[in-house]
Protein backbone atom coordinates (compact mmCIF):
# COMPACT_ATOMS: atom_id res chain seq x y z
CA PRO A 1 -18.37 42.22 27.33
CA SER A 2 -17.07 41.31 23.56
CA ALA A 3 -14.69 38.59 22.87
CA ASP A 4 -12.01 41.04 22.30
CA ASP A 5 -12.50 42.74 25.98
CA LEU A 6 -11.90 39.30 27.31
CA ALA A 7 -8.73 38.64 25.29
CA ASP A 8 -7.43 41.91 26.51
CA GLU A 9 -8.29 40.77 30.11
CA MET A 10 -6.60 37.50 29.86
CA GLU A 11 -3.38 39.09 28.44
CA ASP A 12 -3.09 41.08 31.83
CA VAL A 13 -3.23 37.92 34.08
CA ASP A 14 0.09 36.49 34.78
CA PHE A 15 -0.55 32.58 34.99
CA GLU A 16 2.89 31.88 36.67
CA ASP A 17 2.42 34.05 39.55
CA GLU A 18 -1.14 32.86 39.97
CA GLU A 19 -0.10 29.56 40.16
CA ALA A 20 2.27 30.45 42.99
CA GLU A 21 -0.25 31.78 45.09
CA GLU A 22 -3.26 29.07 44.20
CA PRO A 23 -3.21 27.02 47.44
CA ASP A 24 -4.76 24.40 45.36
CA ALA A 25 -2.30 24.20 42.40
CA GLU A 26 -1.28 20.54 43.82
CA ALA A 27 -4.79 19.00 43.26
CA TRP A 28 -4.24 19.68 39.15
CA GLU A 29 -1.68 17.55 39.20
CA SER A 30 -2.44 14.62 37.08
CA GLU A 31 -2.45 11.17 38.67
CA ASP A 32 1.07 10.34 36.95
CA ASP A 33 2.75 13.48 38.43
CA GLU A 34 1.63 12.28 42.06
CA GLY A 35 4.58 11.73 44.44
CA VAL A 36 7.12 12.65 41.54
CA GLU A 37 8.95 15.78 42.19
CA ASP A 38 12.05 17.37 40.56
CA GLY A 39 12.93 14.09 38.87
CA MET A 40 12.66 12.25 42.19
CA GLU A 41 11.56 8.32 41.98
CA ALA A 42 8.00 7.96 43.31
CA GLN A 43 7.72 6.48 46.81
CA ASP A 44 7.46 2.58 46.78
CA ASP A 45 6.39 1.36 50.03
CA SER A 46 6.09 -2.15 49.04
CA GLU A 47 8.24 -4.83 50.54
CA VAL A 48 8.63 -6.91 47.31
CA THR A 49 7.97 -5.99 44.00
CA PHE A 50 7.43 -8.79 40.83
CA SER A 51 7.90 -6.74 37.65
CA LEU A 52 8.22 -9.16 34.91
CA HIS A 53 4.81 -8.52 33.03
CA SER A 54 5.23 -5.82 30.46
CA ALA A 55 1.52 -4.90 30.52
CA SER A 56 -1.32 -4.64 32.90
CA VAL A 57 -2.02 -7.48 35.36
CA PHE A 58 -5.38 -8.84 35.13
CA CYS A 59 -5.31 -11.64 37.83
CA VAL A 60 -3.28 -12.42 41.08
CA SER A 61 -3.80 -15.60 43.57
CA LEU A 62 -1.95 -16.95 46.16
CA ASP A 63 -1.11 -20.58 46.97
CA PRO A 64 -3.75 -21.66 49.69
CA LYS A 65 -1.53 -24.06 51.37
CA THR A 66 1.49 -22.20 52.29
CA ASN A 67 1.02 -18.58 51.13
CA SER A 68 4.31 -18.55 49.77
CA LEU A 69 3.93 -18.69 46.09
CA ALA A 70 1.90 -16.32 43.98
CA VAL A 71 0.34 -16.72 40.29
CA THR A 72 -0.22 -13.76 38.12
CA GLY A 73 -1.67 -13.15 34.86
CA GLY A 74 -1.63 -10.16 32.44
CA GLU A 75 -2.47 -8.53 29.30
CA ASP A 76 1.08 -9.39 28.04
CA ASP A 77 -0.37 -12.72 27.65
CA LYS A 78 1.72 -14.15 30.10
CA ALA A 79 1.25 -15.76 33.55
CA PHE A 80 4.17 -16.64 35.96
CA VAL A 81 4.41 -18.31 39.38
CA TRP A 82 6.68 -16.55 41.57
CA ARG A 83 7.83 -16.59 45.28
CA VAL A 84 6.22 -14.15 47.37
CA SER A 85 9.23 -13.63 49.79
CA ASP A 86 11.34 -12.54 47.45
CA GLY A 87 9.64 -12.08 44.18
CA GLU A 88 11.83 -14.97 42.52
CA LEU A 89 10.41 -16.24 39.32
CA LEU A 90 9.70 -19.96 39.88
CA PHE A 91 8.47 -20.48 36.09
CA GLU A 92 6.66 -19.01 33.41
CA CYS A 93 3.25 -20.59 32.36
CA SER A 94 3.91 -20.38 28.86
CA GLY A 95 1.84 -20.65 25.48
CA HIS A 96 -1.18 -18.43 25.93
CA LYS A 97 -2.00 -16.13 22.78
CA ASP A 98 -4.24 -13.76 24.56
CA SER A 99 -4.53 -11.92 27.96
CA VAL A 100 -4.43 -14.37 30.95
CA THR A 101 -7.42 -13.27 32.90
CA CYS A 102 -7.83 -16.36 35.38
CA ALA A 103 -5.40 -17.94 37.41
CA GLY A 104 -5.34 -19.96 40.47
CA PHE A 105 -3.75 -22.86 42.67
CA SER A 106 -5.56 -26.32 43.47
CA HIS A 107 -6.79 -26.45 47.03
CA ASP A 108 -3.47 -28.65 47.92
CA SER A 109 -1.47 -26.33 45.86
CA VAL A 110 -0.12 -29.30 43.75
CA PHE A 111 -1.58 -27.91 40.51
CA VAL A 112 -2.02 -24.35 38.95
CA ALA A 113 -4.24 -23.60 36.46
CA THR A 114 -3.97 -20.47 33.98
CA GLY A 115 -6.57 -19.38 31.39
CA ASP A 116 -6.56 -16.65 28.55
CA MET A 117 -9.67 -14.91 27.46
CA SER A 118 -9.92 -16.93 24.09
CA GLY A 119 -10.41 -19.94 26.22
CA PHE A 120 -7.40 -21.66 26.18
CA ILE A 121 -6.72 -23.34 29.69
CA LYS A 122 -3.51 -24.54 30.93
CA VAL A 123 -2.64 -26.90 34.08
CA TRP A 124 0.87 -27.17 35.54
CA ARG A 125 2.40 -29.12 38.24
CA VAL A 126 4.02 -26.92 40.66
CA ASP A 127 6.76 -28.93 41.96
CA ALA A 128 7.68 -29.92 38.48
CA LYS A 129 7.11 -26.98 36.71
CA GLU A 130 5.70 -28.45 34.06
CA GLU A 131 2.56 -28.63 32.09
CA VAL A 132 0.14 -31.65 32.58
CA TRP A 133 -3.09 -30.69 30.74
CA SER A 134 -4.39 -28.22 28.51
CA PHE A 135 -7.65 -27.37 26.72
CA GLU A 136 -9.38 -24.82 24.76
CA VAL A 137 -13.31 -24.03 25.20
CA GLY A 138 -14.96 -20.86 23.93
CA ASP A 139 -14.50 -17.41 25.40
CA LEU A 140 -13.57 -17.79 29.22
CA GLU A 141 -15.57 -15.74 31.67
CA TRP A 142 -14.34 -17.28 34.81
CA MET A 143 -12.43 -20.21 36.23
CA GLU A 144 -12.40 -22.18 39.79
CA TRP A 145 -10.84 -25.03 41.43
CA HIS A 146 -12.86 -27.44 43.48
CA PRO A 147 -12.49 -26.85 47.52
CA GLN A 148 -11.63 -30.43 48.04
CA ALA A 149 -10.54 -32.25 44.57
CA HIS A 150 -8.38 -31.79 41.67
CA VAL A 151 -11.53 -30.57 39.46
CA LEU A 152 -11.75 -27.53 37.65
CA LEU A 153 -14.75 -25.47 36.79
CA ALA A 154 -15.01 -22.66 33.91
CA GLY A 155 -17.64 -20.88 32.48
CA THR A 156 -17.65 -19.60 28.97
CA ALA A 157 -19.41 -17.03 26.87
CA ASP A 158 -21.64 -19.54 25.01
CA GLY A 159 -23.60 -20.19 28.18
CA ASN A 160 -21.74 -23.60 29.12
CA THR A 161 -20.32 -24.37 32.37
CA TRP A 162 -17.44 -26.99 32.08
CA MET A 163 -16.14 -29.41 34.47
CA TRP A 164 -12.61 -31.44 34.27
CA LYS A 165 -10.78 -34.12 36.47
CA ILE A 166 -7.19 -32.98 36.18
CA PRO A 167 -4.81 -34.31 35.04
CA SER A 168 -6.86 -37.22 33.45
CA GLY A 169 -9.33 -34.47 31.78
CA ASP A 170 -12.54 -36.36 31.95
CA CYS A 171 -15.12 -33.70 31.35
CA LYS A 172 -18.69 -32.95 31.88
CA THR A 173 -20.45 -29.71 30.64
CA PHE A 174 -23.66 -28.02 32.23
CA GLN A 175 -25.50 -26.23 29.40
CA GLY A 176 -27.24 -22.84 30.36
CA PRO A 177 -29.05 -20.35 28.55
CA ALA A 178 -27.48 -19.15 25.53
CA CYS A 179 -25.71 -16.06 27.08
CA PRO A 180 -22.60 -15.94 28.64
CA ALA A 181 -22.13 -17.63 32.17
CA THR A 182 -20.81 -14.53 33.85
CA CYS A 183 -19.74 -16.14 37.17
CA GLY A 184 -19.60 -19.21 39.11
CA LYS A 185 -18.63 -20.59 42.27
CA ILE A 186 -18.57 -24.44 43.68
CA LEU A 187 -20.41 -24.71 47.00
CA PRO A 188 -18.67 -25.98 50.35
CA ASP A 189 -20.23 -29.19 50.11
CA GLY A 190 -18.20 -29.99 46.68
CA LYS A 191 -21.46 -31.47 45.46
CA ARG A 192 -22.93 -28.14 43.87
CA ALA A 193 -22.28 -25.26 42.11
CA VAL A 194 -23.89 -21.84 41.53
CA VAL A 195 -23.57 -20.19 38.22
CA GLY A 196 -24.69 -16.71 37.21
CA TYR A 197 -25.73 -15.52 33.53
CA GLU A 198 -26.22 -12.52 31.57
CA ASP A 199 -29.53 -12.72 31.13
CA GLY A 200 -30.08 -12.22 35.11
CA THR A 201 -30.65 -16.00 35.58
CA MET A 202 -29.02 -18.10 38.33
CA ARG A 203 -28.61 -21.69 38.48
CA ILE A 204 -27.77 -24.22 40.95
CA TRP A 205 -26.10 -27.26 39.46
CA ASP A 206 -25.61 -30.91 40.83
CA LEU A 207 -22.09 -31.69 39.99
CA LYS A 208 -22.43 -35.42 40.08
CA GLN A 209 -25.68 -35.92 37.81
CA GLY A 210 -25.19 -32.58 35.90
CA THR A 211 -28.58 -31.50 36.46
CA SER A 212 -29.87 -28.28 37.11
CA LEU A 213 -31.34 -28.27 41.05
CA HIS A 214 -32.76 -24.39 41.17
CA VAL A 215 -33.35 -22.02 38.39
CA LEU A 216 -33.82 -18.35 39.49
CA LYS A 217 -35.48 -15.98 36.78
CA GLY A 218 -37.80 -13.53 36.41
CA GLN A 219 -38.93 -11.75 39.49
CA ASP A 220 -36.73 -13.86 41.42
CA GLY A 221 -33.40 -13.67 39.46
CA HIS A 222 -31.79 -10.24 38.38
CA GLN A 223 -33.03 -7.93 35.70
CA ASP A 224 -29.50 -7.47 34.39
CA PRO A 225 -26.42 -9.79 34.35
CA LEU A 226 -24.85 -11.05 37.40
CA THR A 227 -21.51 -10.05 38.08
CA CYS A 228 -20.63 -12.15 41.04
CA VAL A 229 -21.65 -14.93 43.25
CA ALA A 230 -20.62 -16.17 47.06
CA SER A 231 -21.61 -18.47 49.59
CA ASN A 232 -21.58 -18.45 53.38
CA GLN A 233 -18.98 -21.02 55.34
CA ASP A 234 -21.68 -24.24 55.09
CA GLY A 235 -22.94 -23.02 51.92
CA SER A 236 -26.77 -22.95 52.94
CA LEU A 237 -26.64 -19.41 51.78
CA ILE A 238 -25.89 -18.10 48.46
CA MET A 239 -25.47 -14.15 47.65
CA THR A 240 -25.41 -12.67 44.13
CA GLY A 241 -24.42 -9.48 42.72
CA SER A 242 -25.87 -8.01 39.30
CA VAL A 243 -25.54 -4.86 37.11
CA ASP A 244 -28.99 -4.03 38.10
CA CYS A 245 -27.53 -2.82 41.47
CA HIS A 246 -29.25 -5.56 43.67
CA ALA A 247 -27.78 -8.26 45.69
CA LYS A 248 -29.72 -11.19 46.65
CA LEU A 249 -29.65 -13.84 49.80
CA VAL A 250 -30.81 -17.18 48.41
CA ASN A 251 -31.26 -20.39 50.28
CA SER A 252 -29.46 -23.05 48.57
CA ALA A 253 -31.28 -25.77 49.52
CA THR A 254 -34.61 -24.45 48.25
CA GLY A 255 -33.80 -21.88 45.80
CA LYS A 256 -35.94 -19.30 47.36
CA VAL A 257 -34.64 -15.82 47.80
CA VAL A 258 -34.61 -14.78 51.56
CA CYS A 259 -33.66 -11.30 51.18
CA VAL A 260 -32.76 -8.43 48.58
CA PHE A 261 -30.26 -5.45 49.02
CA LYS A 262 -31.28 -2.94 46.84
CA MET A 263 -29.10 0.43 46.38
CA GLU A 264 -31.72 3.08 46.83
CA SER A 265 -30.88 6.19 44.97
CA VAL A 266 -31.23 9.41 47.35
CA ALA A 267 -30.96 12.12 45.03
CA PRO A 268 -33.79 12.48 42.43
CA LYS A 269 -32.58 11.45 38.78
CA ALA A 270 -31.35 14.61 36.99
CA PRO A 271 -33.13 14.60 33.07
CA ILE A 272 -30.56 12.95 30.66
CA GLY A 273 -29.44 15.63 27.91
CA GLU A 274 -29.21 14.38 24.35
CA GLY A 275 -25.86 12.30 23.76
CA GLU A 276 -25.75 11.71 27.55
CA GLU A 277 -25.40 8.34 29.29
CA ALA A 278 -27.34 7.37 32.19
CA GLU A 279 -25.08 7.32 35.00
CA SER A 280 -25.18 3.35 35.81
CA ASN A 281 -23.72 1.32 38.93
CA SER A 282 -23.54 -2.14 39.79
CA VAL A 283 -22.60 -4.56 42.21
CA GLU A 284 -18.92 -5.54 41.56
CA SER A 285 -18.19 -7.73 44.34
CA LEU A 286 -19.53 -9.50 47.44
CA GLY A 287 -18.43 -11.83 50.27
CA PHE A 288 -19.36 -13.58 53.76
CA CYS A 289 -17.82 -12.93 57.03
CA ASN A 290 -16.77 -16.49 58.17
CA VAL A 291 -18.18 -15.88 61.85
C-alpha cells in the first residue's frame, strides 16, 4: 500500500474506542502515573517519611549501636542526621559544596562522617551535634569506618587510600596504582584492609605497617574495574565483584583465588549493528551470610 492508503486507513481508526477495549492499556502508562488516578495521591505505605532533601538521595546509613538514627546524603549537597522513629531532624551536616555520596556512623555511634564527591569529608560528634574534624582529599570514591576504633578509611580517584584517627586527624596513606581506588573494606581483624582498583587489581593492606600484603593482578585479578568487596565474618575469605561480570573468592591469608563465579551468557550474542553499544553487565554488590 502507498503512504496515502496508509494515511486513509489511519483516519478510519478511532483511537479513543481502541484504548477502552485494549486490556493492556494500563501497561502503557508511564512510571510517573503509576498509582495516580483522577488526581488521587499515589499510595505511600511507609511508616515514616523524611523529606528534607530537595534532590536524589545517594546514601543512607543507620547508627549501629541503637538503629534509632539515620544519616542521609544527597544530590542537593546536603546531609542530615534524623530519628528513624518519627523522621525528626537531629541536625544538618552543613558545609558540603558537592553531592554527598558517602555517610556513616562510627562503630559505637559516637561520630558520624559525611563525604562529598569532590573529596570534602566532615566528622560530627552526634550527641553534641557539632563538627569535630574535616579534611579535603581528591575526588572521593568510598569511605568506611573501622569496625572497632575511631578510625576512618577513604579511597580516592588518584588511587590513594587514606586513613585518619578521629578526631586527632593523624593520617596515613596507602598508595595504589595511578587509577581510582573504586571500593574498599576493613577486614574484621581491624588490622588489614582490602582495596579494589579501576585497573582490575586488588590489594590487601597492612594498616599498621602501611605495606601491601598481597596484590592480585593479571589472571588472578579482574579484567575490568572492581565495583565491590566483602569479607566473611572471620575475615578468612574475601569476595570481589567487577565490571567484568566475575566474582572471585580469595583466601585473605595467602592472597590466592579459591574460586571464580562467572556469569555464563546462555544466549549467543547477536552481532552488534553500527552505532549500537554492546550490552554490558557487571557485578554491583555482594555479601556473605553470617552463619
